[in-house]
């Protein structure tokens, strides 16, 4: 069985837009992704490590543990052997507490890639392949998160292109979530149930085409 680790934030955790509730596993995209791969005849298990508010490499001044680079090596060690690690981060890099642009956020993902490749896994275990997923572009934030993400739609401009550059430079796989779905119209950041389903299926087909499982 091939294990796939998904390392992400609330977009993948499955928060229901404008609530503090969570979609069930089979309704959020990692569950759809796993089930679709199984239907395609792939022997896989998807492991989720998704934290609301997680940045690539920045801390949250109000909540601990949101720097995605902290502890990532141990997460890789914990779940090895891994066939694939999927990174889908960046949206929280554009919260109002950070004056980041797309290039800076992409460099955060570049750091995560290096951490994964240097993780202290057991001798003989494979260094996993990596897929970088660009989250859908943020649109005008609405609802309960509007203040937290004020101006994020401007700061995040060009993120997908910058992440694709990083993927090419560091020889990882790449998928642009914005090519198959938009952010939720409810809050401008997260994904609705239908969008999770669309994204999970699209990623499953992309992974099955690019990676031998």
N, C-alpha and C. Protein backbone atom coordinates (compact mmCIF):
# COMPACT_ATOMS: atom_id res chain seq x y z
N UNK A 1 0.84 -1.20 0.00
CA UNK A 1 0.00 0.00 0.00
C UNK A 1 0.87 1.25 0.00
N UNK A 2 0.53 2.21 -0.85
CA UNK A 2 1.25 3.47 -0.93
C UNK A 2 0.57 4.52 -0.06
N UNK A 3 1.36 5.13 0.84
CA UNK A 3 0.82 6.19 1.69
C UNK A 3 1.10 7.55 1.07
N UNK A 4 0.09 8.40 1.11
CA UNK A 4 0.19 9.76 0.60
C UNK A 4 -0.14 10.72 1.74
N UNK A 5 0.77 11.64 2.02
CA UNK A 5 0.55 12.63 3.07
C UNK A 5 0.08 13.94 2.44
N UNK A 6 -1.01 14.48 2.96
CA UNK A 6 -1.50 15.79 2.54
C UNK A 6 -1.21 16.78 3.67
N UNK A 7 -0.37 17.76 3.38
CA UNK A 7 0.06 18.75 4.38
C UNK A 7 -0.51 20.09 3.95
N UNK A 8 -1.48 20.58 4.74
CA UNK A 8 -2.24 21.73 4.26
C UNK A 8 -2.85 22.52 5.42
N UNK A 9 -3.88 23.30 5.08
CA UNK A 9 -4.51 24.21 6.03
C UNK A 9 -6.02 24.00 6.03
N UNK A 10 -6.78 25.03 6.36
CA UNK A 10 -8.23 24.89 6.50
C UNK A 10 -8.95 24.59 5.19
N UNK A 11 -8.35 24.97 4.06
CA UNK A 11 -8.98 24.65 2.78
C UNK A 11 -9.10 23.14 2.61
N UNK A 12 -8.13 22.41 3.15
CA UNK A 12 -8.12 20.96 3.04
C UNK A 12 -8.72 20.30 4.27
N UNK A 13 -8.56 20.93 5.43
CA UNK A 13 -9.19 20.43 6.66
C UNK A 13 -10.69 20.29 6.47
N UNK A 14 -11.24 21.12 5.58
CA UNK A 14 -12.65 20.99 5.24
C UNK A 14 -13.58 21.90 6.00
N UNK A 15 -13.07 23.06 6.43
CA UNK A 15 -13.96 23.98 7.13
C UNK A 15 -15.10 24.41 6.20
N UNK A 16 -16.30 24.42 6.72
CA UNK A 16 -17.46 24.85 5.94
C UNK A 16 -17.48 26.38 5.96
N UNK A 17 -17.43 27.02 4.80
CA UNK A 17 -17.29 28.48 4.75
C UNK A 17 -18.28 29.22 5.66
N UNK A 18 -17.75 30.20 6.37
CA UNK A 18 -18.50 31.07 7.27
C UNK A 18 -19.04 30.34 8.50
N UNK A 19 -18.41 29.19 8.83
CA UNK A 19 -18.77 28.44 10.04
C UNK A 19 -17.48 27.97 10.70
N UNK A 20 -17.62 27.27 11.84
CA UNK A 20 -16.51 26.56 12.46
C UNK A 20 -16.73 25.06 12.34
N UNK A 21 -17.57 24.64 11.43
CA UNK A 21 -17.88 23.23 11.25
C UNK A 21 -17.00 22.63 10.16
N UNK A 22 -16.95 21.28 10.14
CA UNK A 22 -16.04 20.56 9.25
C UNK A 22 -16.80 19.52 8.43
N UNK A 23 -16.45 19.46 7.14
CA UNK A 23 -17.00 18.42 6.28
C UNK A 23 -16.45 17.05 6.70
N UNK A 24 -17.25 16.02 6.50
CA UNK A 24 -16.80 14.65 6.78
C UNK A 24 -15.68 14.26 5.80
N UNK A 25 -14.88 13.28 6.18
CA UNK A 25 -13.73 12.88 5.38
C UNK A 25 -14.10 12.58 3.94
N UNK A 26 -15.17 11.83 3.74
CA UNK A 26 -15.52 11.45 2.37
C UNK A 26 -16.03 12.62 1.54
N UNK A 27 -16.31 13.77 2.20
CA UNK A 27 -16.80 14.94 1.47
C UNK A 27 -15.73 16.01 1.27
N UNK A 28 -14.64 15.95 2.02
CA UNK A 28 -13.55 16.91 1.78
C UNK A 28 -12.59 16.30 0.76
N UNK A 29 -11.79 17.15 0.12
CA UNK A 29 -11.09 16.66 -1.07
C UNK A 29 -10.11 15.52 -0.81
N UNK A 30 -9.41 15.43 0.33
CA UNK A 30 -8.55 14.26 0.51
C UNK A 30 -9.32 12.94 0.51
N UNK A 31 -10.54 12.95 1.06
CA UNK A 31 -11.36 11.74 1.03
C UNK A 31 -11.83 11.40 -0.37
N UNK A 32 -12.26 12.42 -1.10
CA UNK A 32 -12.65 12.21 -2.49
C UNK A 32 -11.46 11.72 -3.30
N UNK A 33 -10.30 12.30 -3.06
CA UNK A 33 -9.05 11.93 -3.71
C UNK A 33 -8.72 10.46 -3.46
N UNK A 34 -8.75 10.05 -2.20
CA UNK A 34 -8.47 8.65 -1.86
C UNK A 34 -9.46 7.70 -2.51
N UNK A 35 -10.75 7.99 -2.38
CA UNK A 35 -11.77 7.11 -2.93
C UNK A 35 -11.69 7.02 -4.45
N UNK A 36 -11.36 8.13 -5.11
CA UNK A 36 -11.23 8.10 -6.56
C UNK A 36 -10.04 7.26 -6.99
N UNK A 37 -8.92 7.40 -6.29
CA UNK A 37 -7.75 6.58 -6.63
C UNK A 37 -8.04 5.10 -6.42
N UNK A 38 -8.75 4.77 -5.36
CA UNK A 38 -9.09 3.37 -5.11
C UNK A 38 -9.98 2.83 -6.25
N UNK A 39 -10.93 3.65 -6.69
CA UNK A 39 -11.79 3.24 -7.81
C UNK A 39 -10.99 3.06 -9.10
N UNK A 40 -9.87 3.78 -9.19
CA UNK A 40 -8.99 3.64 -10.35
C UNK A 40 -8.04 2.45 -10.21
N UNK A 41 -8.21 1.69 -9.13
CA UNK A 41 -7.41 0.49 -8.93
C UNK A 41 -6.10 0.73 -8.21
N UNK A 42 -5.94 1.89 -7.56
CA UNK A 42 -4.71 2.20 -6.85
C UNK A 42 -4.83 1.80 -5.38
N UNK A 43 -3.78 1.17 -4.88
CA UNK A 43 -3.76 0.72 -3.49
C UNK A 43 -3.12 1.81 -2.64
N UNK A 44 -3.95 2.73 -2.13
CA UNK A 44 -3.43 3.92 -1.45
C UNK A 44 -4.13 4.15 -0.12
N UNK A 45 -3.43 4.90 0.71
CA UNK A 45 -4.00 5.41 1.96
C UNK A 45 -3.58 6.86 2.08
N UNK A 46 -4.54 7.74 2.29
CA UNK A 46 -4.26 9.16 2.42
C UNK A 46 -4.22 9.55 3.89
N UNK A 47 -3.13 10.19 4.28
CA UNK A 47 -2.95 10.67 5.65
C UNK A 47 -3.06 12.20 5.62
N UNK A 48 -3.97 12.74 6.41
CA UNK A 48 -4.16 14.19 6.46
C UNK A 48 -3.38 14.80 7.62
N UNK A 49 -2.69 15.89 7.34
CA UNK A 49 -2.11 16.72 8.39
C UNK A 49 -2.41 18.16 8.01
N UNK A 50 -3.57 18.61 8.42
CA UNK A 50 -4.10 19.90 7.97
C UNK A 50 -4.51 20.71 9.20
N UNK A 51 -4.01 21.93 9.27
CA UNK A 51 -4.23 22.77 10.44
C UNK A 51 -4.78 24.12 10.00
N UNK A 52 -5.89 24.51 10.59
CA UNK A 52 -6.47 25.81 10.27
C UNK A 52 -5.48 26.93 10.59
N UNK A 53 -5.30 27.83 9.64
CA UNK A 53 -4.41 28.96 9.85
C UNK A 53 -2.94 28.69 9.55
N UNK A 54 -2.61 27.49 9.12
CA UNK A 54 -1.20 27.17 8.86
C UNK A 54 -0.65 28.02 7.72
N UNK A 55 0.51 28.63 7.97
CA UNK A 55 1.26 29.34 6.94
C UNK A 55 2.34 28.42 6.37
N UNK A 56 3.07 28.90 5.37
CA UNK A 56 4.21 28.12 4.92
C UNK A 56 5.34 28.22 5.93
N UNK A 57 5.81 29.44 6.20
CA UNK A 57 6.94 29.60 7.12
C UNK A 57 6.77 30.76 8.10
N UNK A 58 5.59 31.29 8.20
CA UNK A 58 5.36 32.43 9.11
C UNK A 58 4.54 31.99 10.32
N UNK A 59 4.71 32.71 11.41
CA UNK A 59 3.97 32.43 12.64
C UNK A 59 2.72 33.30 12.69
N UNK A 60 1.72 32.82 13.40
CA UNK A 60 0.51 33.58 13.69
C UNK A 60 0.73 34.29 15.03
N UNK A 61 0.56 35.60 15.08
CA UNK A 61 0.80 36.30 16.36
C UNK A 61 -0.23 35.96 17.43
N UNK A 62 -1.34 35.31 17.05
CA UNK A 62 -2.41 35.05 18.02
C UNK A 62 -2.57 33.56 18.36
N UNK A 63 -2.07 32.66 17.50
CA UNK A 63 -2.21 31.22 17.74
C UNK A 63 -0.86 30.54 17.52
N UNK A 64 -0.52 29.62 18.41
CA UNK A 64 0.75 28.91 18.30
C UNK A 64 0.69 27.83 17.21
N UNK A 65 1.87 27.47 16.73
CA UNK A 65 2.01 26.30 15.88
C UNK A 65 1.59 26.46 14.44
N UNK A 66 1.48 27.70 13.96
CA UNK A 66 0.98 27.90 12.59
C UNK A 66 2.09 28.03 11.55
N UNK A 67 3.35 28.00 11.95
CA UNK A 67 4.47 27.99 11.02
C UNK A 67 4.62 26.57 10.48
N UNK A 68 4.28 26.37 9.21
CA UNK A 68 4.28 25.03 8.64
C UNK A 68 5.63 24.38 8.54
N UNK A 69 6.71 25.16 8.66
CA UNK A 69 8.04 24.56 8.58
C UNK A 69 8.45 23.92 9.90
N UNK A 70 7.81 24.32 10.99
CA UNK A 70 8.15 23.80 12.30
C UNK A 70 7.52 22.42 12.51
N UNK A 71 8.34 21.42 12.69
CA UNK A 71 7.84 20.07 12.94
C UNK A 71 7.56 19.27 11.68
N UNK A 72 7.73 19.87 10.50
CA UNK A 72 7.43 19.13 9.27
C UNK A 72 8.35 17.93 9.09
N UNK A 73 9.62 18.07 9.40
CA UNK A 73 10.54 16.94 9.26
C UNK A 73 10.09 15.76 10.11
N UNK A 74 9.58 16.05 11.31
CA UNK A 74 9.12 14.98 12.19
C UNK A 74 7.82 14.36 11.67
N UNK A 75 6.98 15.17 11.03
CA UNK A 75 5.76 14.63 10.41
C UNK A 75 6.13 13.63 9.32
N UNK A 76 7.13 13.96 8.50
CA UNK A 76 7.59 13.04 7.46
C UNK A 76 8.14 11.77 8.08
N UNK A 77 8.95 11.93 9.10
CA UNK A 77 9.52 10.78 9.81
C UNK A 77 8.41 9.91 10.40
N UNK A 78 7.41 10.55 10.98
CA UNK A 78 6.31 9.85 11.65
C UNK A 78 5.52 8.94 10.71
N UNK A 79 5.29 9.43 9.48
CA UNK A 79 4.39 8.72 8.56
C UNK A 79 5.12 7.92 7.48
N UNK A 80 6.45 7.94 7.49
CA UNK A 80 7.19 7.16 6.50
C UNK A 80 6.98 5.66 6.72
N UNK A 81 7.06 4.89 5.62
CA UNK A 81 7.43 5.30 4.26
C UNK A 81 6.26 5.98 3.53
N UNK A 82 6.59 7.02 2.81
CA UNK A 82 5.61 7.77 2.04
C UNK A 82 5.95 7.71 0.56
N UNK A 83 4.93 7.52 -0.25
CA UNK A 83 5.12 7.57 -1.70
C UNK A 83 5.09 9.01 -2.20
N UNK A 84 4.21 9.82 -1.60
CA UNK A 84 3.98 11.17 -2.09
C UNK A 84 3.60 12.09 -0.94
N UNK A 85 4.11 13.31 -0.98
CA UNK A 85 3.65 14.37 -0.08
C UNK A 85 3.03 15.46 -0.93
N UNK A 86 1.81 15.82 -0.60
CA UNK A 86 1.12 16.91 -1.29
C UNK A 86 1.13 18.14 -0.39
N UNK A 87 1.67 19.23 -0.92
CA UNK A 87 1.71 20.51 -0.20
C UNK A 87 0.68 21.45 -0.83
N UNK A 88 -0.28 21.88 -0.04
CA UNK A 88 -1.23 22.88 -0.51
C UNK A 88 -1.36 23.95 0.57
N UNK A 89 -0.46 24.92 0.49
CA UNK A 89 -0.41 26.00 1.46
C UNK A 89 -0.20 27.33 0.74
N UNK A 90 -0.36 28.40 1.47
CA UNK A 90 -0.13 29.73 0.91
C UNK A 90 -1.22 30.73 1.24
N UNK A 91 -2.46 30.28 1.31
CA UNK A 91 -3.56 31.23 1.52
C UNK A 91 -3.37 32.06 2.79
N UNK A 92 -2.94 31.41 3.88
CA UNK A 92 -2.79 32.13 5.14
C UNK A 92 -1.56 33.03 5.18
N UNK A 93 -0.65 32.86 4.22
CA UNK A 93 0.49 33.78 4.13
C UNK A 93 0.03 35.21 3.83
N UNK A 94 -1.22 35.33 3.37
CA UNK A 94 -1.74 36.64 2.96
C UNK A 94 -2.73 37.23 3.95
N UNK A 95 -2.79 36.68 5.16
CA UNK A 95 -3.60 37.31 6.19
C UNK A 95 -3.07 38.73 6.44
N UNK A 96 -3.88 39.56 7.03
CA UNK A 96 -3.54 40.97 7.20
C UNK A 96 -2.35 41.20 8.12
N UNK A 97 -1.94 40.18 8.87
CA UNK A 97 -0.78 40.29 9.75
C UNK A 97 0.54 40.17 9.00
N UNK A 98 0.48 39.83 7.70
CA UNK A 98 1.69 39.66 6.89
C UNK A 98 1.62 40.53 5.64
N UNK A 99 2.69 41.21 5.35
CA UNK A 99 2.76 42.02 4.13
C UNK A 99 3.53 41.23 3.07
N UNK A 100 2.99 40.07 2.69
CA UNK A 100 3.65 39.18 1.75
C UNK A 100 3.10 39.36 0.34
N UNK A 101 3.93 39.02 -0.64
CA UNK A 101 3.45 38.91 -2.02
C UNK A 101 3.58 37.46 -2.46
N UNK A 102 3.21 37.17 -3.70
CA UNK A 102 3.19 35.79 -4.18
C UNK A 102 4.58 35.17 -4.18
N UNK A 103 5.58 35.96 -4.55
CA UNK A 103 6.93 35.41 -4.59
C UNK A 103 7.40 34.98 -3.20
N UNK A 104 7.16 35.82 -2.21
CA UNK A 104 7.57 35.47 -0.85
C UNK A 104 6.88 34.20 -0.38
N UNK A 105 5.60 34.08 -0.62
CA UNK A 105 4.88 32.88 -0.22
C UNK A 105 5.45 31.65 -0.92
N UNK A 106 5.76 31.77 -2.20
CA UNK A 106 6.30 30.62 -2.93
C UNK A 106 7.65 30.19 -2.37
N UNK A 107 8.43 31.14 -1.86
CA UNK A 107 9.70 30.78 -1.25
C UNK A 107 9.48 30.02 0.06
N UNK A 108 8.37 30.30 0.73
CA UNK A 108 8.01 29.49 1.89
C UNK A 108 7.77 28.05 1.51
N UNK A 109 7.07 27.83 0.40
CA UNK A 109 6.85 26.46 -0.08
C UNK A 109 8.17 25.82 -0.49
N UNK A 110 9.07 26.59 -1.09
CA UNK A 110 10.38 26.05 -1.46
C UNK A 110 11.12 25.53 -0.22
N UNK A 111 11.01 26.27 0.88
CA UNK A 111 11.65 25.82 2.12
C UNK A 111 11.04 24.50 2.59
N UNK A 112 9.73 24.36 2.49
CA UNK A 112 9.08 23.12 2.91
C UNK A 112 9.54 21.94 2.08
N UNK A 113 9.73 22.16 0.79
CA UNK A 113 10.21 21.09 -0.09
C UNK A 113 11.58 20.60 0.37
N UNK A 114 12.46 21.53 0.70
CA UNK A 114 13.79 21.16 1.16
C UNK A 114 13.73 20.41 2.49
N UNK A 115 12.83 20.82 3.37
CA UNK A 115 12.68 20.13 4.66
C UNK A 115 12.25 18.69 4.44
N UNK A 116 11.29 18.49 3.56
CA UNK A 116 10.80 17.13 3.27
C UNK A 116 11.94 16.26 2.76
N UNK A 117 12.75 16.80 1.87
CA UNK A 117 13.82 16.00 1.26
C UNK A 117 14.97 15.73 2.23
N UNK A 118 15.06 16.51 3.28
CA UNK A 118 16.14 16.32 4.25
C UNK A 118 15.65 15.70 5.55
N UNK A 119 14.40 15.26 5.60
CA UNK A 119 13.83 14.71 6.82
C UNK A 119 14.59 13.45 7.24
N UNK A 120 14.70 13.22 8.56
CA UNK A 120 15.49 12.08 9.07
C UNK A 120 14.70 10.77 9.06
N UNK A 121 14.37 10.31 7.87
CA UNK A 121 13.63 9.04 7.76
C UNK A 121 14.57 7.87 7.99
N UNK A 122 14.00 6.70 8.25
CA UNK A 122 14.80 5.52 8.55
C UNK A 122 15.60 5.09 7.31
N UNK A 123 16.79 4.52 7.53
CA UNK A 123 17.62 4.07 6.40
C UNK A 123 16.86 3.09 5.51
N UNK A 124 16.98 3.29 4.21
CA UNK A 124 16.32 2.42 3.25
C UNK A 124 14.93 2.85 2.85
N UNK A 125 14.34 3.77 3.61
CA UNK A 125 13.02 4.26 3.24
C UNK A 125 13.16 5.32 2.14
N UNK A 126 12.20 5.38 1.21
CA UNK A 126 12.33 6.30 0.07
C UNK A 126 12.05 7.74 0.46
N UNK A 127 12.78 8.65 -0.18
CA UNK A 127 12.42 10.06 -0.10
C UNK A 127 11.18 10.25 -0.96
N UNK A 128 10.08 10.74 -0.39
CA UNK A 128 8.82 10.78 -1.16
C UNK A 128 8.86 11.78 -2.30
N UNK A 129 8.08 11.49 -3.33
CA UNK A 129 7.83 12.48 -4.35
C UNK A 129 6.96 13.58 -3.74
N UNK A 130 6.98 14.74 -4.38
CA UNK A 130 6.26 15.90 -3.85
C UNK A 130 5.39 16.50 -4.95
N UNK A 131 4.17 16.85 -4.59
CA UNK A 131 3.30 17.62 -5.49
C UNK A 131 2.92 18.91 -4.80
N UNK A 132 3.19 20.01 -5.45
CA UNK A 132 2.79 21.33 -4.97
C UNK A 132 1.46 21.69 -5.62
N UNK A 133 0.48 22.02 -4.80
CA UNK A 133 -0.82 22.45 -5.31
C UNK A 133 -1.03 23.91 -4.98
N UNK A 134 -1.25 24.71 -6.00
CA UNK A 134 -1.58 26.12 -5.78
C UNK A 134 -3.05 26.22 -5.40
N UNK A 135 -3.38 26.83 -4.26
CA UNK A 135 -4.79 26.97 -3.88
C UNK A 135 -5.50 27.91 -4.83
N UNK A 136 -6.82 27.81 -4.91
CA UNK A 136 -7.56 28.75 -5.75
C UNK A 136 -7.30 30.19 -5.31
N UNK A 137 -7.21 31.12 -6.22
CA UNK A 137 -6.95 32.51 -5.83
C UNK A 137 -8.02 33.03 -4.87
N UNK A 138 -7.59 33.81 -3.90
CA UNK A 138 -8.51 34.44 -2.97
C UNK A 138 -9.29 35.52 -3.71
N UNK A 139 -10.59 35.53 -3.50
CA UNK A 139 -11.41 36.62 -4.01
C UNK A 139 -11.78 37.51 -2.82
N UNK A 140 -12.55 38.53 -3.03
CA UNK A 140 -12.87 39.47 -1.96
C UNK A 140 -13.37 38.73 -0.71
N UNK A 141 -12.60 38.73 0.39
CA UNK A 141 -13.02 38.00 1.58
C UNK A 141 -14.34 38.55 2.14
N UNK A 142 -15.18 37.63 2.62
CA UNK A 142 -16.50 37.99 3.14
C UNK A 142 -16.75 37.28 4.46
N UNK A 143 -17.76 37.72 5.16
CA UNK A 143 -18.21 37.03 6.36
C UNK A 143 -17.26 37.17 7.53
N UNK A 144 -17.20 36.11 8.35
CA UNK A 144 -16.48 36.18 9.62
C UNK A 144 -14.98 36.32 9.44
N UNK A 145 -14.43 35.99 8.27
CA UNK A 145 -12.99 36.09 8.06
C UNK A 145 -12.58 37.34 7.28
N UNK A 146 -13.52 38.20 7.00
CA UNK A 146 -13.23 39.36 6.14
C UNK A 146 -12.12 40.24 6.72
N UNK A 147 -12.18 40.53 8.01
CA UNK A 147 -11.16 41.40 8.60
C UNK A 147 -9.78 40.73 8.59
N UNK A 148 -9.75 39.43 8.88
CA UNK A 148 -8.48 38.70 8.95
C UNK A 148 -7.77 38.67 7.61
N UNK A 149 -8.55 38.64 6.52
CA UNK A 149 -7.98 38.54 5.18
C UNK A 149 -8.15 39.83 4.37
N UNK A 150 -8.32 40.94 5.03
CA UNK A 150 -8.51 42.19 4.30
C UNK A 150 -7.34 42.45 3.34
N UNK A 151 -7.66 42.67 2.07
CA UNK A 151 -6.64 42.94 1.06
C UNK A 151 -5.90 41.72 0.54
N UNK A 152 -6.25 40.52 1.01
CA UNK A 152 -5.53 39.31 0.61
C UNK A 152 -5.66 39.02 -0.87
N UNK A 153 -6.78 39.42 -1.45
CA UNK A 153 -6.97 39.14 -2.88
C UNK A 153 -5.94 39.89 -3.73
N UNK A 154 -5.45 41.01 -3.23
CA UNK A 154 -4.41 41.75 -3.95
C UNK A 154 -3.02 41.16 -3.67
N UNK A 155 -2.76 40.82 -2.43
CA UNK A 155 -1.44 40.32 -2.06
C UNK A 155 -1.14 38.96 -2.68
N UNK A 156 -2.16 38.15 -2.90
CA UNK A 156 -1.94 36.78 -3.40
C UNK A 156 -1.83 36.72 -4.92
N UNK A 157 -1.98 37.82 -5.61
CA UNK A 157 -1.98 37.81 -7.08
C UNK A 157 -0.71 37.17 -7.63
N UNK A 158 -0.89 36.21 -8.52
CA UNK A 158 0.24 35.56 -9.16
C UNK A 158 0.81 34.37 -8.42
N UNK A 159 0.14 33.91 -7.36
CA UNK A 159 0.70 32.82 -6.55
C UNK A 159 0.86 31.53 -7.36
N UNK A 160 -0.12 31.17 -8.15
CA UNK A 160 -0.03 29.92 -8.91
C UNK A 160 1.19 29.92 -9.82
N UNK A 161 1.45 31.01 -10.50
CA UNK A 161 2.60 31.09 -11.39
C UNK A 161 3.91 30.99 -10.61
N UNK A 162 3.97 31.63 -9.46
CA UNK A 162 5.19 31.57 -8.65
C UNK A 162 5.42 30.16 -8.09
N UNK A 163 4.34 29.49 -7.69
CA UNK A 163 4.48 28.11 -7.20
C UNK A 163 4.87 27.16 -8.32
N UNK A 164 4.37 27.40 -9.51
CA UNK A 164 4.77 26.56 -10.64
C UNK A 164 6.26 26.75 -10.93
N UNK A 165 6.75 27.98 -10.81
CA UNK A 165 8.19 28.22 -10.98
C UNK A 165 9.00 27.44 -9.96
N UNK A 166 8.56 27.47 -8.70
CA UNK A 166 9.26 26.72 -7.65
C UNK A 166 9.24 25.23 -7.95
N UNK A 167 8.09 24.72 -8.37
CA UNK A 167 7.97 23.29 -8.68
C UNK A 167 8.93 22.90 -9.80
N UNK A 168 9.02 23.74 -10.81
CA UNK A 168 9.93 23.45 -11.92
C UNK A 168 11.39 23.51 -11.47
N UNK A 169 11.73 24.53 -10.70
CA UNK A 169 13.11 24.69 -10.25
C UNK A 169 13.56 23.56 -9.33
N UNK A 170 12.64 23.06 -8.52
CA UNK A 170 12.98 22.03 -7.54
C UNK A 170 12.52 20.64 -7.95
N UNK A 171 12.06 20.51 -9.18
CA UNK A 171 11.70 19.19 -9.77
C UNK A 171 10.64 18.45 -8.96
N UNK A 172 9.55 19.16 -8.67
CA UNK A 172 8.40 18.51 -8.05
C UNK A 172 7.23 18.55 -9.04
N UNK A 173 6.21 17.78 -8.72
CA UNK A 173 4.98 17.84 -9.50
C UNK A 173 4.21 19.10 -9.12
N UNK A 174 3.32 19.54 -10.00
CA UNK A 174 2.55 20.76 -9.75
C UNK A 174 1.13 20.59 -10.26
N UNK A 175 0.20 21.15 -9.49
CA UNK A 175 -1.20 21.19 -9.91
C UNK A 175 -1.80 22.51 -9.47
N UNK A 176 -2.51 23.15 -10.36
CA UNK A 176 -3.15 24.43 -10.07
C UNK A 176 -4.62 24.19 -9.76
N UNK A 177 -4.99 24.27 -8.47
CA UNK A 177 -6.39 24.06 -8.10
C UNK A 177 -7.31 25.06 -8.77
N UNK A 178 -6.79 26.26 -9.04
CA UNK A 178 -7.59 27.28 -9.69
C UNK A 178 -7.97 26.94 -11.12
N UNK A 179 -7.35 25.90 -11.68
CA UNK A 179 -7.70 25.48 -13.04
C UNK A 179 -8.99 24.67 -13.08
N UNK A 180 -9.44 24.19 -11.90
CA UNK A 180 -10.66 23.37 -11.88
C UNK A 180 -11.74 23.93 -10.95
N UNK A 181 -11.38 24.84 -10.05
CA UNK A 181 -12.38 25.39 -9.14
C UNK A 181 -11.97 26.78 -8.67
N UNK A 182 -12.97 27.56 -8.29
CA UNK A 182 -12.74 28.86 -7.67
C UNK A 182 -12.88 28.72 -6.16
N UNK A 183 -12.52 29.77 -5.44
CA UNK A 183 -12.78 29.81 -4.00
C UNK A 183 -14.28 30.00 -3.77
N UNK A 184 -14.74 29.63 -2.60
CA UNK A 184 -16.15 29.74 -2.26
C UNK A 184 -16.67 31.17 -2.41
N UNK A 185 -17.83 31.29 -2.98
CA UNK A 185 -18.47 32.60 -3.08
C UNK A 185 -18.96 33.08 -1.72
N UNK A 186 -19.03 32.17 -0.76
CA UNK A 186 -19.54 32.52 0.57
C UNK A 186 -18.53 33.35 1.36
N UNK A 187 -17.25 32.91 1.34
CA UNK A 187 -16.25 33.66 2.12
C UNK A 187 -15.03 34.10 1.30
N UNK A 188 -14.92 33.65 0.06
CA UNK A 188 -13.83 34.08 -0.79
C UNK A 188 -12.50 33.40 -0.57
N UNK A 189 -12.44 32.43 0.34
CA UNK A 189 -11.20 31.76 0.71
C UNK A 189 -11.30 30.24 0.56
N UNK A 190 -12.30 29.68 1.24
CA UNK A 190 -12.39 28.23 1.40
C UNK A 190 -13.12 27.56 0.23
N UNK A 191 -13.48 26.30 0.43
CA UNK A 191 -14.13 25.52 -0.61
C UNK A 191 -15.47 24.99 -0.12
N UNK A 192 -16.47 25.06 -0.99
CA UNK A 192 -17.76 24.44 -0.70
C UNK A 192 -17.68 22.94 -0.94
N UNK A 193 -18.69 22.20 -0.49
CA UNK A 193 -18.68 20.75 -0.65
C UNK A 193 -18.52 20.34 -2.12
N UNK A 194 -19.22 20.97 -3.01
CA UNK A 194 -19.11 20.64 -4.43
C UNK A 194 -17.72 20.92 -4.95
N UNK A 195 -17.10 22.00 -4.47
CA UNK A 195 -15.75 22.35 -4.91
C UNK A 195 -14.73 21.34 -4.39
N UNK A 196 -14.92 20.85 -3.16
CA UNK A 196 -14.07 19.78 -2.64
C UNK A 196 -14.16 18.55 -3.54
N UNK A 197 -15.36 18.19 -3.93
CA UNK A 197 -15.55 17.01 -4.78
C UNK A 197 -14.85 17.17 -6.13
N UNK A 198 -15.02 18.33 -6.73
CA UNK A 198 -14.38 18.61 -8.02
C UNK A 198 -12.86 18.55 -7.89
N UNK A 199 -12.33 19.17 -6.84
CA UNK A 199 -10.88 19.23 -6.67
C UNK A 199 -10.30 17.85 -6.37
N UNK A 200 -10.95 17.11 -5.48
CA UNK A 200 -10.44 15.78 -5.13
C UNK A 200 -10.33 14.86 -6.33
N UNK A 201 -11.35 14.88 -7.18
CA UNK A 201 -11.32 14.03 -8.37
C UNK A 201 -10.23 14.48 -9.33
N UNK A 202 -10.10 15.79 -9.52
CA UNK A 202 -9.10 16.29 -10.46
C UNK A 202 -7.68 15.96 -9.99
N UNK A 203 -7.41 16.09 -8.70
CA UNK A 203 -6.09 15.76 -8.18
C UNK A 203 -5.82 14.27 -8.32
N UNK A 204 -6.83 13.45 -8.08
CA UNK A 204 -6.66 12.00 -8.22
C UNK A 204 -6.24 11.63 -9.63
N UNK A 205 -6.89 12.21 -10.62
CA UNK A 205 -6.53 11.90 -12.00
C UNK A 205 -5.14 12.42 -12.34
N UNK A 206 -4.79 13.59 -11.82
CA UNK A 206 -3.46 14.15 -12.08
C UNK A 206 -2.38 13.27 -11.45
N UNK A 207 -2.60 12.82 -10.22
CA UNK A 207 -1.63 11.97 -9.54
C UNK A 207 -1.50 10.62 -10.24
N UNK A 208 -2.63 10.04 -10.64
CA UNK A 208 -2.58 8.73 -11.29
C UNK A 208 -1.84 8.78 -12.62
N UNK A 209 -1.87 9.93 -13.29
CA UNK A 209 -1.16 10.09 -14.57
C UNK A 209 0.34 10.31 -14.39
N UNK A 210 0.72 10.97 -13.28
CA UNK A 210 2.12 11.38 -13.11
C UNK A 210 2.95 10.46 -12.24
N UNK A 211 2.28 9.70 -11.36
CA UNK A 211 3.00 8.94 -10.35
C UNK A 211 2.57 7.48 -10.37
N UNK A 212 3.53 6.59 -10.34
CA UNK A 212 3.24 5.16 -10.34
C UNK A 212 2.81 4.73 -8.94
N UNK A 213 1.56 4.37 -8.79
CA UNK A 213 1.03 3.95 -7.48
C UNK A 213 0.67 2.47 -7.49
